């Protein structure tokens, strides 16, 4: 009996990595077929883009333009999700209410021209605020954190204060979803207080039966310009992660990032 138990245990241990790999393959391949309903929304808007929508456990997913979903683009301000987590973890902020002082330099966006906290800076996507944090964090720490999170690809050499804006840091929609899954599950080696702070900062919308945590991005320096919207929706019994990007024809297309995402989520019955 002991020998039989040992053989069974050994076989189970041996097969576990194979079983885990098979599950990963299933999750990775589910939903790769083109979703015609979502594709029609992008077609009607007249834009080229992609969206990946997947449950936290990978059991359900919807994808438009799988080929593009695997393609990397400049991360732009979607990097503020990881950047916020890094700043909190590295102790570059005493808390969410610490004031990041404006130096008086006038920017094109009026709501940047004032003092900010990390919460208000995230909400208005204040570039100079996060550049100030980047100076405190430094390139060596960024290399470590990006590698740890498996976050896209960082091209060397890079500028500490512009790498997420100038195309040095690129990431795909699929990789965005993978990163956000780690954030939701808290599987990256960060303190619970850092995760809690990020969770509060990311909250964009609170409904009766759901909460939306997300971030927009606008890679204005690329050709064509790229618009992003990434995040997750928590509902009773399910968490849905999403990542979308589109080719933008100009500033007038900025509202399409949220509009197309919301329309896609509604089409699949995830939100009303």
C-alpha atoms as a PDB file:
ATOM      1  CA  UNK A   1       0.000   0.000   0.000  1.00  0.00           C
ATOM      2  CA  UNK A   2       2.843   2.390   0.842  1.00  0.00           C
ATOM      3  CA  UNK A   3       4.508   1.687  -2.487  1.00  0.00           C
ATOM      4  CA  UNK A   4       1.243   2.239  -4.347  1.00  0.00           C
ATOM      5  CA  UNK A   5       0.711   5.535  -2.482  1.00  0.00           C
ATOM      6  CA  UNK A   6       4.257   6.632  -3.300  1.00  0.00           C
ATOM      7  CA  UNK A   7       3.855   5.868  -6.993  1.00  0.00           C
ATOM      8  CA  UNK A   8       0.529   7.689  -7.097  1.00  0.00           C
ATOM      9  CA  UNK A   9       1.969  10.693  -5.300  1.00  0.00           C
ATOM     10  CA  UNK A  10       5.024  10.751  -7.550  1.00  0.00           C
ATOM     11  CA  UNK A  11       2.873  10.529 -10.674  1.00  0.00           C
ATOM     12  CA  UNK A  12       0.603  13.281  -9.409  1.00  0.00           C
ATOM     13  CA  UNK A  13       3.599  15.517  -8.668  1.00  0.00           C
ATOM     14  CA  UNK A  14       5.117  14.772 -12.069  1.00  0.00           C
ATOM     15  CA  UNK A  15       1.894  15.529 -13.924  1.00  0.00           C
ATOM     16  CA  UNK A  16       1.063  18.731 -12.063  1.00  0.00           C
ATOM     17  CA  UNK A  17       3.323  21.016 -14.165  1.00  0.00           C
ATOM     18  CA  UNK A  18       1.955  19.407 -17.337  1.00  0.00           C
ATOM     19  CA  UNK A  19      -1.622  19.924 -16.151  1.00  0.00           C
ATOM     20  CA  UNK A  20      -0.845  23.547 -15.267  1.00  0.00           C
ATOM     21  CA  UNK A  21       0.647  24.090 -18.714  1.00  0.00           C
ATOM     22  CA  UNK A  22      -2.418  22.596 -20.384  1.00  0.00           C
ATOM     23  CA  UNK A  23      -4.717  24.880 -18.391  1.00  0.00           C
ATOM     24  CA  UNK A  24      -2.589  27.887 -19.376  1.00  0.00           C
ATOM     25  CA  UNK A  25      -2.813  26.878 -23.038  1.00  0.00           C
ATOM     26  CA  UNK A  26      -6.595  26.546 -22.805  1.00  0.00           C
ATOM     27  CA  UNK A  27      -6.919  29.984 -21.197  1.00  0.00           C
ATOM     28  CA  UNK A  28      -4.567  31.516 -23.758  1.00  0.00           C
ATOM     29  CA  UNK A  29      -6.475  30.116 -26.723  1.00  0.00           C
ATOM     30  CA  UNK A  30     -10.016  30.713 -25.511  1.00  0.00           C
ATOM     31  CA  UNK A  31     -11.708  33.622 -27.175  1.00  0.00           C
ATOM     32  CA  UNK A  32      -9.179  34.018 -29.968  1.00  0.00           C
ATOM     33  CA  UNK A  33     -11.892  33.683 -32.606  1.00  0.00           C
ATOM     34  CA  UNK A  34     -13.025  37.075 -33.857  1.00  0.00           C
ATOM     35  CA  UNK A  35     -16.034  38.441 -32.002  1.00  0.00           C
ATOM     36  CA  UNK A  36     -18.286  39.688 -34.809  1.00  0.00           C
ATOM     37  CA  UNK A  37     -20.483  41.796 -32.524  1.00  0.00           C
ATOM     38  CA  UNK A  38     -17.544  43.781 -31.167  1.00  0.00           C
ATOM     39  CA  UNK A  39     -15.893  43.940 -34.599  1.00  0.00           C
ATOM     40  CA  UNK A  40     -18.965  45.717 -35.940  1.00  0.00           C
ATOM     41  CA  UNK A  41     -18.635  48.397 -33.233  1.00  0.00           C
ATOM     42  CA  UNK A  42     -15.071  49.185 -34.298  1.00  0.00           C
ATOM     43  CA  UNK A  43     -16.134  49.130 -37.958  1.00  0.00           C
ATOM     44  CA  UNK A  44     -18.978  51.557 -37.308  1.00  0.00           C
ATOM     45  CA  UNK A  45     -16.573  53.898 -35.510  1.00  0.00           C
ATOM     46  CA  UNK A  46     -14.242  53.704 -38.501  1.00  0.00           C
ATOM     47  CA  UNK A  47     -11.119  52.933 -36.475  1.00  0.00           C
ATOM     48  CA  UNK A  48      -8.476  50.213 -36.472  1.00  0.00           C
ATOM     49  CA  UNK A  49      -7.965  48.669 -33.080  1.00  0.00           C
ATOM     50  CA  UNK A  50      -8.278  45.731 -30.737  1.00  0.00           C
ATOM     51  CA  UNK A  51      -9.921  44.812 -27.477  1.00  0.00           C
ATOM     52  CA  UNK A  52      -9.445  41.868 -25.138  1.00  0.00           C
ATOM     53  CA  UNK A  53     -12.085  41.190 -22.479  1.00  0.00           C
ATOM     54  CA  UNK A  54     -11.537  38.247 -20.144  1.00  0.00           C
ATOM     55  CA  UNK A  55     -12.724  36.982 -16.784  1.00  0.00           C
ATOM     56  CA  UNK A  56     -10.194  36.858 -13.987  1.00  0.00           C
ATOM     57  CA  UNK A  57     -10.061  33.058 -14.128  1.00  0.00           C
ATOM     58  CA  UNK A  58      -9.850  33.014 -17.929  1.00  0.00           C
ATOM     59  CA  UNK A  59     -13.005  30.936 -18.304  1.00  0.00           C
ATOM     60  CA  UNK A  60     -14.682  33.482 -20.601  1.00  0.00           C
ATOM     61  CA  UNK A  61     -13.162  35.891 -23.073  1.00  0.00           C
ATOM     62  CA  UNK A  62     -14.020  38.048 -26.062  1.00  0.00           C
ATOM     63  CA  UNK A  63     -11.481  39.386 -28.546  1.00  0.00           C
ATOM     64  CA  UNK A  64     -11.536  41.712 -31.499  1.00  0.00           C
ATOM     65  CA  UNK A  65      -8.465  41.557 -33.770  1.00  0.00           C
ATOM     66  CA  UNK A  66      -6.342  38.903 -32.082  1.00  0.00           C
ATOM     67  CA  UNK A  67      -3.316  39.671 -34.264  1.00  0.00           C
ATOM     68  CA  UNK A  68      -3.241  43.265 -33.075  1.00  0.00           C
ATOM     69  CA  UNK A  69      -3.903  42.159 -29.483  1.00  0.00           C
ATOM     70  CA  UNK A  70      -0.462  40.511 -29.533  1.00  0.00           C
ATOM     71  CA  UNK A  71       1.258  43.573 -31.003  1.00  0.00           C
ATOM     72  CA  UNK A  72       3.124  45.974 -28.733  1.00  0.00           C
ATOM     73  CA  UNK A  73       2.507  49.716 -28.717  1.00  0.00           C
ATOM     74  CA  UNK A  74       3.858  52.553 -26.541  1.00  0.00           C
ATOM     75  CA  UNK A  75       2.347  52.134 -23.088  1.00  0.00           C
ATOM     76  CA  UNK A  76       1.723  55.881 -22.646  1.00  0.00           C
ATOM     77  CA  UNK A  77      -0.228  56.747 -19.495  1.00  0.00           C
ATOM     78  CA  UNK A  78      -1.486  53.204 -18.927  1.00  0.00           C
ATOM     79  CA  UNK A  79       1.935  52.757 -17.295  1.00  0.00           C
ATOM     80  CA  UNK A  80       0.651  54.989 -14.481  1.00  0.00           C
ATOM     81  CA  UNK A  81      -0.960  51.860 -13.025  1.00  0.00           C
ATOM     82  CA  UNK A  82       2.361  50.134 -12.434  1.00  0.00           C
ATOM     83  CA  UNK A  83       4.105  53.459 -11.831  1.00  0.00           C
ATOM     84  CA  UNK A  84       1.718  54.224  -8.971  1.00  0.00           C
ATOM     85  CA  UNK A  85       2.317  50.797  -7.460  1.00  0.00           C
ATOM     86  CA  UNK A  86       6.085  51.282  -7.741  1.00  0.00           C
ATOM     87  CA  UNK A  87       5.991  54.750  -6.165  1.00  0.00           C
ATOM     88  CA  UNK A  88       3.974  53.475  -3.214  1.00  0.00           C
ATOM     89  CA  UNK A  89       6.142  50.388  -2.777  1.00  0.00           C
ATOM     90  CA  UNK A  90       9.392  52.373  -2.947  1.00  0.00           C
ATOM     91  CA  UNK A  91       8.123  54.845  -0.359  1.00  0.00           C
ATOM     92  CA  UNK A  92       8.345  57.798  -2.734  1.00  0.00           C
ATOM     93  CA  UNK A  93       5.064  59.028  -1.278  1.00  0.00           C
ATOM     94  CA  UNK A  94       4.182  59.255   2.392  1.00  0.00           C
ATOM     95  CA  UNK A  95       0.583  58.478   1.464  1.00  0.00           C
ATOM     96  CA  UNK A  96      -2.163  59.145  -1.038  1.00  0.00           C
ATOM     97  CA  UNK A  97      -2.644  62.662   0.324  1.00  0.00           C
ATOM     98  CA  UNK A  98       0.970  63.820   0.003  1.00  0.00           C
ATOM     99  CA  UNK A  99       1.145  66.968  -2.112  1.00  0.00           C
ATOM    100  CA  UNK A 100       3.280  66.976  -5.249  1.00  0.00           C
ATOM    101  CA  UNK A 101       4.077  70.669  -5.603  1.00  0.00           C
ATOM    102  CA  UNK A 102       3.607  72.388  -8.946  1.00  0.00           C
ATOM    103  CA  UNK A 103       6.688  74.345 -10.027  1.00  0.00           C
ATOM    104  CA  UNK A 104       4.659  77.046 -11.772  1.00  0.00           C
ATOM    105  CA  UNK A 105       5.447  75.908 -15.307  1.00  0.00           C
ATOM    106  CA  UNK A 106       2.341  76.281 -17.460  1.00  0.00           C
ATOM    107  CA  UNK A 107       1.186  73.180 -19.355  1.00  0.00           C
ATOM    108  CA  UNK A 108      -1.280  72.787 -22.209  1.00  0.00           C
ATOM    109  CA  UNK A 109      -3.787  71.062 -19.951  1.00  0.00           C
ATOM    110  CA  UNK A 110      -5.133  73.559 -17.377  1.00  0.00           C
ATOM    111  CA  UNK A 111      -5.878  70.915 -14.745  1.00  0.00           C
ATOM    112  CA  UNK A 112      -2.169  70.084 -14.600  1.00  0.00           C
ATOM    113  CA  UNK A 113      -1.286  73.622 -13.512  1.00  0.00           C
ATOM    114  CA  UNK A 114      -1.686  73.160  -9.766  1.00  0.00           C
ATOM    115  CA  UNK A 115      -0.497  71.080  -6.847  1.00  0.00           C
ATOM    116  CA  UNK A 116      -1.611  67.455  -6.924  1.00  0.00           C
ATOM    117  CA  UNK A 117      -1.869  64.337  -4.838  1.00  0.00           C
ATOM    118  CA  UNK A 118      -1.252  60.974  -6.487  1.00  0.00           C
ATOM    119  CA  UNK A 119      -5.025  60.456  -6.659  1.00  0.00           C
ATOM    120  CA  UNK A 120      -5.704  63.712  -8.476  1.00  0.00           C
ATOM    121  CA  UNK A 121      -2.611  63.297 -10.678  1.00  0.00           C
ATOM    122  CA  UNK A 122      -3.802  59.849 -11.773  1.00  0.00           C
ATOM    123  CA  UNK A 123      -7.332  61.125 -12.415  1.00  0.00           C
ATOM    124  CA  UNK A 124      -6.191  63.893 -14.791  1.00  0.00           C
ATOM    125  CA  UNK A 125      -3.201  61.908 -16.120  1.00  0.00           C
ATOM    126  CA  UNK A 126      -0.767  64.606 -15.010  1.00  0.00           C
ATOM    127  CA  UNK A 127       2.508  63.890 -16.804  1.00  0.00           C
ATOM    128  CA  UNK A 128       4.751  66.244 -14.836  1.00  0.00           C
ATOM    129  CA  UNK A 129       3.559  64.741 -11.539  1.00  0.00           C
ATOM    130  CA  UNK A 130       4.636  61.267 -12.565  1.00  0.00           C
ATOM    131  CA  UNK A 131       7.871  62.612 -14.012  1.00  0.00           C
ATOM    132  CA  UNK A 132       8.649  64.026 -10.577  1.00  0.00           C
ATOM    133  CA  UNK A 133       8.039  60.590  -9.071  1.00  0.00           C
ATOM    134  CA  UNK A 134      10.190  59.029 -11.810  1.00  0.00           C
ATOM    135  CA  UNK A 135      13.136  61.235 -10.813  1.00  0.00           C
ATOM    136  CA  UNK A 136      12.802  59.946  -7.264  1.00  0.00           C
ATOM    137  CA  UNK A 137      12.517  56.290  -8.360  1.00  0.00           C
ATOM    138  CA  UNK A 138      15.340  56.182 -10.928  1.00  0.00           C
ATOM    139  CA  UNK A 139      16.107  53.956 -13.893  1.00  0.00           C
ATOM    140  CA  UNK A 140      17.697  51.053 -11.992  1.00  0.00           C
ATOM    141  CA  UNK A 141      14.609  50.565  -9.868  1.00  0.00           C
ATOM    142  CA  UNK A 142      12.387  50.742 -12.939  1.00  0.00           C
ATOM    143  CA  UNK A 143      14.375  47.977 -14.639  1.00  0.00           C
ATOM    144  CA  UNK A 144      13.851  45.743 -11.622  1.00  0.00           C
ATOM    145  CA  UNK A 145      10.138  46.408 -11.319  1.00  0.00           C
ATOM    146  CA  UNK A 146       9.421  46.034 -15.047  1.00  0.00           C
ATOM    147  CA  UNK A 147      11.246  42.711 -15.159  1.00  0.00           C
ATOM    148  CA  UNK A 148       9.478  41.520 -12.032  1.00  0.00           C
ATOM    149  CA  UNK A 149       6.055  42.321 -13.462  1.00  0.00           C
ATOM    150  CA  UNK A 150       6.884  41.019 -16.938  1.00  0.00           C
ATOM    151  CA  UNK A 151       5.557  44.329 -18.183  1.00  0.00           C
ATOM    152  CA  UNK A 152       6.022  44.626 -21.965  1.00  0.00           C
ATOM    153  CA  UNK A 153       9.433  45.475 -23.382  1.00  0.00           C
ATOM    154  CA  UNK A 154      11.801  48.248 -22.312  1.00  0.00           C
ATOM    155  CA  UNK A 155      14.285  49.380 -24.946  1.00  0.00           C
ATOM    156  CA  UNK A 156      17.712  50.460 -23.738  1.00  0.00           C
ATOM    157  CA  UNK A 157      18.958  53.089 -23.275  1.00  0.00           C
ATOM    158  CA  UNK A 158      15.991  55.029 -21.947  1.00  0.00           C
ATOM    159  CA  UNK A 159      15.228  58.333 -20.297  1.00  0.00           C
ATOM    160  CA  UNK A 160      13.986  57.936 -16.713  1.00  0.00           C
ATOM    161  CA  UNK A 161      11.263  60.549 -17.128  1.00  0.00           C
ATOM    162  CA  UNK A 162       9.939  59.873 -20.629  1.00  0.00           C
ATOM    163  CA  UNK A 163      10.368  56.151 -21.378  1.00  0.00           C
ATOM    164  CA  UNK A 164       6.641  55.402 -21.109  1.00  0.00           C
ATOM    165  CA  UNK A 165       5.858  58.338 -23.414  1.00  0.00           C
ATOM    166  CA  UNK A 166       8.539  58.204 -26.120  1.00  0.00           C
ATOM    167  CA  UNK A 167       8.093  54.599 -27.258  1.00  0.00           C
ATOM    168  CA  UNK A 168      10.910  53.056 -25.204  1.00  0.00           C
ATOM    169  CA  UNK A 169       8.350  51.048 -23.212  1.00  0.00           C
ATOM    170  CA  UNK A 170       5.899  49.046 -25.311  1.00  0.00           C
ATOM    171  CA  UNK A 171       3.227  46.549 -24.348  1.00  0.00           C
ATOM    172  CA  UNK A 172       0.444  44.591 -26.041  1.00  0.00           C
ATOM    173  CA  UNK A 173      -3.225  44.404 -25.090  1.00  0.00           C
ATOM    174  CA  UNK A 174      -2.703  40.761 -24.141  1.00  0.00           C
ATOM    175  CA  UNK A 175       0.200  41.717 -21.889  1.00  0.00           C
ATOM    176  CA  UNK A 176      -1.886  44.479 -20.308  1.00  0.00           C
ATOM    177  CA  UNK A 177      -4.499  41.887 -19.381  1.00  0.00           C
ATOM    178  CA  UNK A 178      -1.836  39.589 -17.950  1.00  0.00           C
ATOM    179  CA  UNK A 179      -0.386  42.405 -15.864  1.00  0.00           C
ATOM    180  CA  UNK A 180      -3.794  43.494 -14.575  1.00  0.00           C
ATOM    181  CA  UNK A 181      -4.586  39.919 -13.578  1.00  0.00           C
ATOM    182  CA  UNK A 182      -1.490  39.993 -11.367  1.00  0.00           C
ATOM    183  CA  UNK A 183      -2.641  43.301  -9.878  1.00  0.00           C
ATOM    184  CA  UNK A 184      -6.118  42.008  -9.076  1.00  0.00           C
ATOM    185  CA  UNK A 185      -4.822  38.732  -7.630  1.00  0.00           C
ATOM    186  CA  UNK A 186      -1.919  40.513  -5.886  1.00  0.00           C
ATOM    187  CA  UNK A 187       0.573  37.902  -7.048  1.00  0.00           C
ATOM    188  CA  UNK A 188       3.414  40.370  -7.560  1.00  0.00           C
ATOM    189  CA  UNK A 189       5.699  40.816  -4.527  1.00  0.00           C
ATOM    190  CA  UNK A 190       4.332  44.128  -3.271  1.00  0.00           C
ATOM    191  CA  UNK A 191       3.001  45.117   0.118  1.00  0.00           C
ATOM    192  CA  UNK A 192      -0.723  44.914   0.772  1.00  0.00           C
ATOM    193  CA  UNK A 193      -0.678  48.634   1.571  1.00  0.00           C
ATOM    194  CA  UNK A 194       0.751  49.383  -1.902  1.00  0.00           C
ATOM    195  CA  UNK A 195      -1.980  47.330  -3.556  1.00  0.00           C
ATOM    196  CA  UNK A 196      -4.630  48.984  -1.412  1.00  0.00           C
ATOM    197  CA  UNK A 197      -3.375  52.438  -2.372  1.00  0.00           C
ATOM    198  CA  UNK A 198      -3.372  51.577  -6.064  1.00  0.00           C
ATOM    199  CA  UNK A 199      -6.863  50.128  -5.800  1.00  0.00           C
ATOM    200  CA  UNK A 200      -8.147  53.403  -4.348  1.00  0.00           C
ATOM    201  CA  UNK A 201      -6.341  55.520  -6.945  1.00  0.00           C
ATOM    202  CA  UNK A 202      -7.640  53.444  -9.865  1.00  0.00           C
ATOM    203  CA  UNK A 203     -11.335  53.757  -8.995  1.00  0.00           C
ATOM    204  CA  UNK A 204     -13.025  55.624 -11.844  1.00  0.00           C
ATOM    205  CA  UNK A 205     -16.675  54.686 -11.437  1.00  0.00           C
ATOM    206  CA  UNK A 206     -18.838  53.108  -8.766  1.00  0.00           C
ATOM    207  CA  UNK A 207     -22.243  51.679  -9.700  1.00  0.00           C
ATOM    208  CA  UNK A 208     -24.882  49.861  -7.689  1.00  0.00           C
ATOM    209  CA  UNK A 209     -23.498  46.433  -8.528  1.00  0.00           C
ATOM    210  CA  UNK A 210     -20.077  47.111 -10.003  1.00  0.00           C
ATOM    211  CA  UNK A 211     -16.893  49.126  -9.678  1.00  0.00           C
ATOM    212  CA  UNK A 212     -14.681  50.227 -12.557  1.00  0.00           C
ATOM    213  CA  UNK A 213     -10.945  50.712 -12.108  1.00  0.00           C
ATOM    214  CA  UNK A 214      -9.089  51.831 -15.196  1.00  0.00           C
ATOM    215  CA  UNK A 215      -6.630  54.110 -16.967  1.00  0.00           C
ATOM    216  CA  UNK A 216      -6.574  55.820 -20.337  1.00  0.00           C
ATOM    217  CA  UNK A 217      -3.463  56.321 -22.429  1.00  0.00           C
ATOM    218  CA  UNK A 218      -2.557  58.488 -25.402  1.00  0.00           C
ATOM    219  CA  UNK A 219       0.681  57.830 -27.272  1.00  0.00           C
ATOM    220  CA  UNK A 220       0.682  61.178 -29.051  1.00  0.00           C
ATOM    221  CA  UNK A 221       4.285  60.880 -30.268  1.00  0.00           C
ATOM    222  CA  UNK A 222       3.772  57.674 -32.273  1.00  0.00           C
ATOM    223  CA  UNK A 223       2.613  57.466 -35.885  1.00  0.00           C
ATOM    224  CA  UNK A 224      -0.251  56.817 -35.965  1.00  0.00           C
ATOM    225  CA  UNK A 225      -1.151  58.023 -32.507  1.00  0.00           C
ATOM    226  CA  UNK A 226      -2.349  55.242 -30.210  1.00  0.00           C
ATOM    227  CA  UNK A 227      -5.213  55.478 -27.756  1.00  0.00           C
ATOM    228  CA  UNK A 228      -5.516  53.062 -24.816  1.00  0.00           C
ATOM    229  CA  UNK A 229      -8.108  52.127 -22.237  1.00  0.00           C
ATOM    230  CA  UNK A 230      -7.284  49.333 -19.779  1.00  0.00           C
ATOM    231  CA  UNK A 231      -8.698  48.205 -16.465  1.00  0.00           C
ATOM    232  CA  UNK A 232     -11.113  45.871 -14.758  1.00  0.00           C
ATOM    233  CA  UNK A 233     -14.714  45.669 -13.613  1.00  0.00           C
ATOM    234  CA  UNK A 234     -15.686  43.986 -10.361  1.00  0.00           C
ATOM    235  CA  UNK A 235     -19.194  42.576 -10.105  1.00  0.00           C
ATOM    236  CA  UNK A 236     -20.786  40.108  -7.679  1.00  0.00           C
ATOM    237  CA  UNK A 237     -19.375  36.751  -8.659  1.00  0.00           C
ATOM    238  CA  UNK A 238     -17.108  37.932 -11.470  1.00  0.00           C
ATOM    239  CA  UNK A 239     -14.220  40.231 -12.296  1.00  0.00           C
ATOM    240  CA  UNK A 240     -13.670  41.197 -15.937  1.00  0.00           C
ATOM    241  CA  UNK A 241     -10.337  42.543 -17.178  1.00  0.00           C
ATOM    242  CA  UNK A 242     -10.123  44.553 -20.399  1.00  0.00           C
ATOM    243  CA  UNK A 243      -7.510  46.204 -22.576  1.00  0.00           C
ATOM    244  CA  UNK A 244      -8.156  48.081 -25.800  1.00  0.00           C
ATOM    245  CA  UNK A 245      -6.157  50.242 -28.152  1.00  0.00           C
ATOM    246  CA  UNK A 246      -6.945  52.092 -31.365  1.00  0.00           C
ATOM    247  CA  UNK A 247      -5.169  54.070 -34.057  1.00  0.00           C
ATOM    248  CA  UNK A 248      -6.156  57.685 -33.462  1.00  0.00           C
ATOM    249  CA  UNK A 249      -6.609  60.287 -36.183  1.00  0.00           C
ATOM    250  CA  UNK A 250      -6.263  63.138 -33.712  1.00  0.00           C
ATOM    251  CA  UNK A 251      -7.493  64.578 -30.445  1.00  0.00           C
ATOM    252  CA  UNK A 252     -11.127  64.251 -31.551  1.00  0.00           C
ATOM    253  CA  UNK A 253     -10.807  60.462 -31.285  1.00  0.00           C
ATOM    254  CA  UNK A 254      -9.905  60.523 -27.580  1.00  0.00           C
ATOM    255  CA  UNK A 255     -13.500  59.866 -26.399  1.00  0.00           C
ATOM    256  CA  UNK A 256     -13.619  56.714 -28.541  1.00  0.00           C
ATOM    257  CA  UNK A 257     -11.313  54.925 -26.106  1.00  0.00           C
ATOM    258  CA  UNK A 258     -13.917  54.747 -23.354  1.00  0.00           C
ATOM    259  CA  UNK A 259     -16.904  54.784 -25.707  1.00  0.00           C
ATOM    260  CA  UNK A 260     -15.836  51.720 -27.687  1.00  0.00           C
ATOM    261  CA  UNK A 261     -14.835  49.872 -24.539  1.00  0.00           C
ATOM    262  CA  UNK A 262     -18.141  50.609 -22.851  1.00  0.00           C
ATOM    263  CA  UNK A 263     -20.080  49.632 -25.984  1.00  0.00           C
ATOM    264  CA  UNK A 264     -18.152  46.349 -26.168  1.00  0.00           C
ATOM    265  CA  UNK A 265     -18.805  45.579 -22.495  1.00  0.00           C
ATOM    266  CA  UNK A 266     -22.500  46.349 -22.965  1.00  0.00           C
ATOM    267  CA  UNK A 267     -22.681  44.181 -26.082  1.00  0.00           C
ATOM    268  CA  UNK A 268     -21.437  41.197 -24.055  1.00  0.00           C
ATOM    269  CA  UNK A 269     -23.801  41.898 -21.164  1.00  0.00           C
ATOM    270  CA  UNK A 270     -21.035  42.746 -18.705  1.00  0.00           C
ATOM    271  CA  UNK A 271     -22.420  46.214 -17.936  1.00  0.00           C
ATOM    272  CA  UNK A 272     -25.782  47.811 -18.702  1.00  0.00           C
END
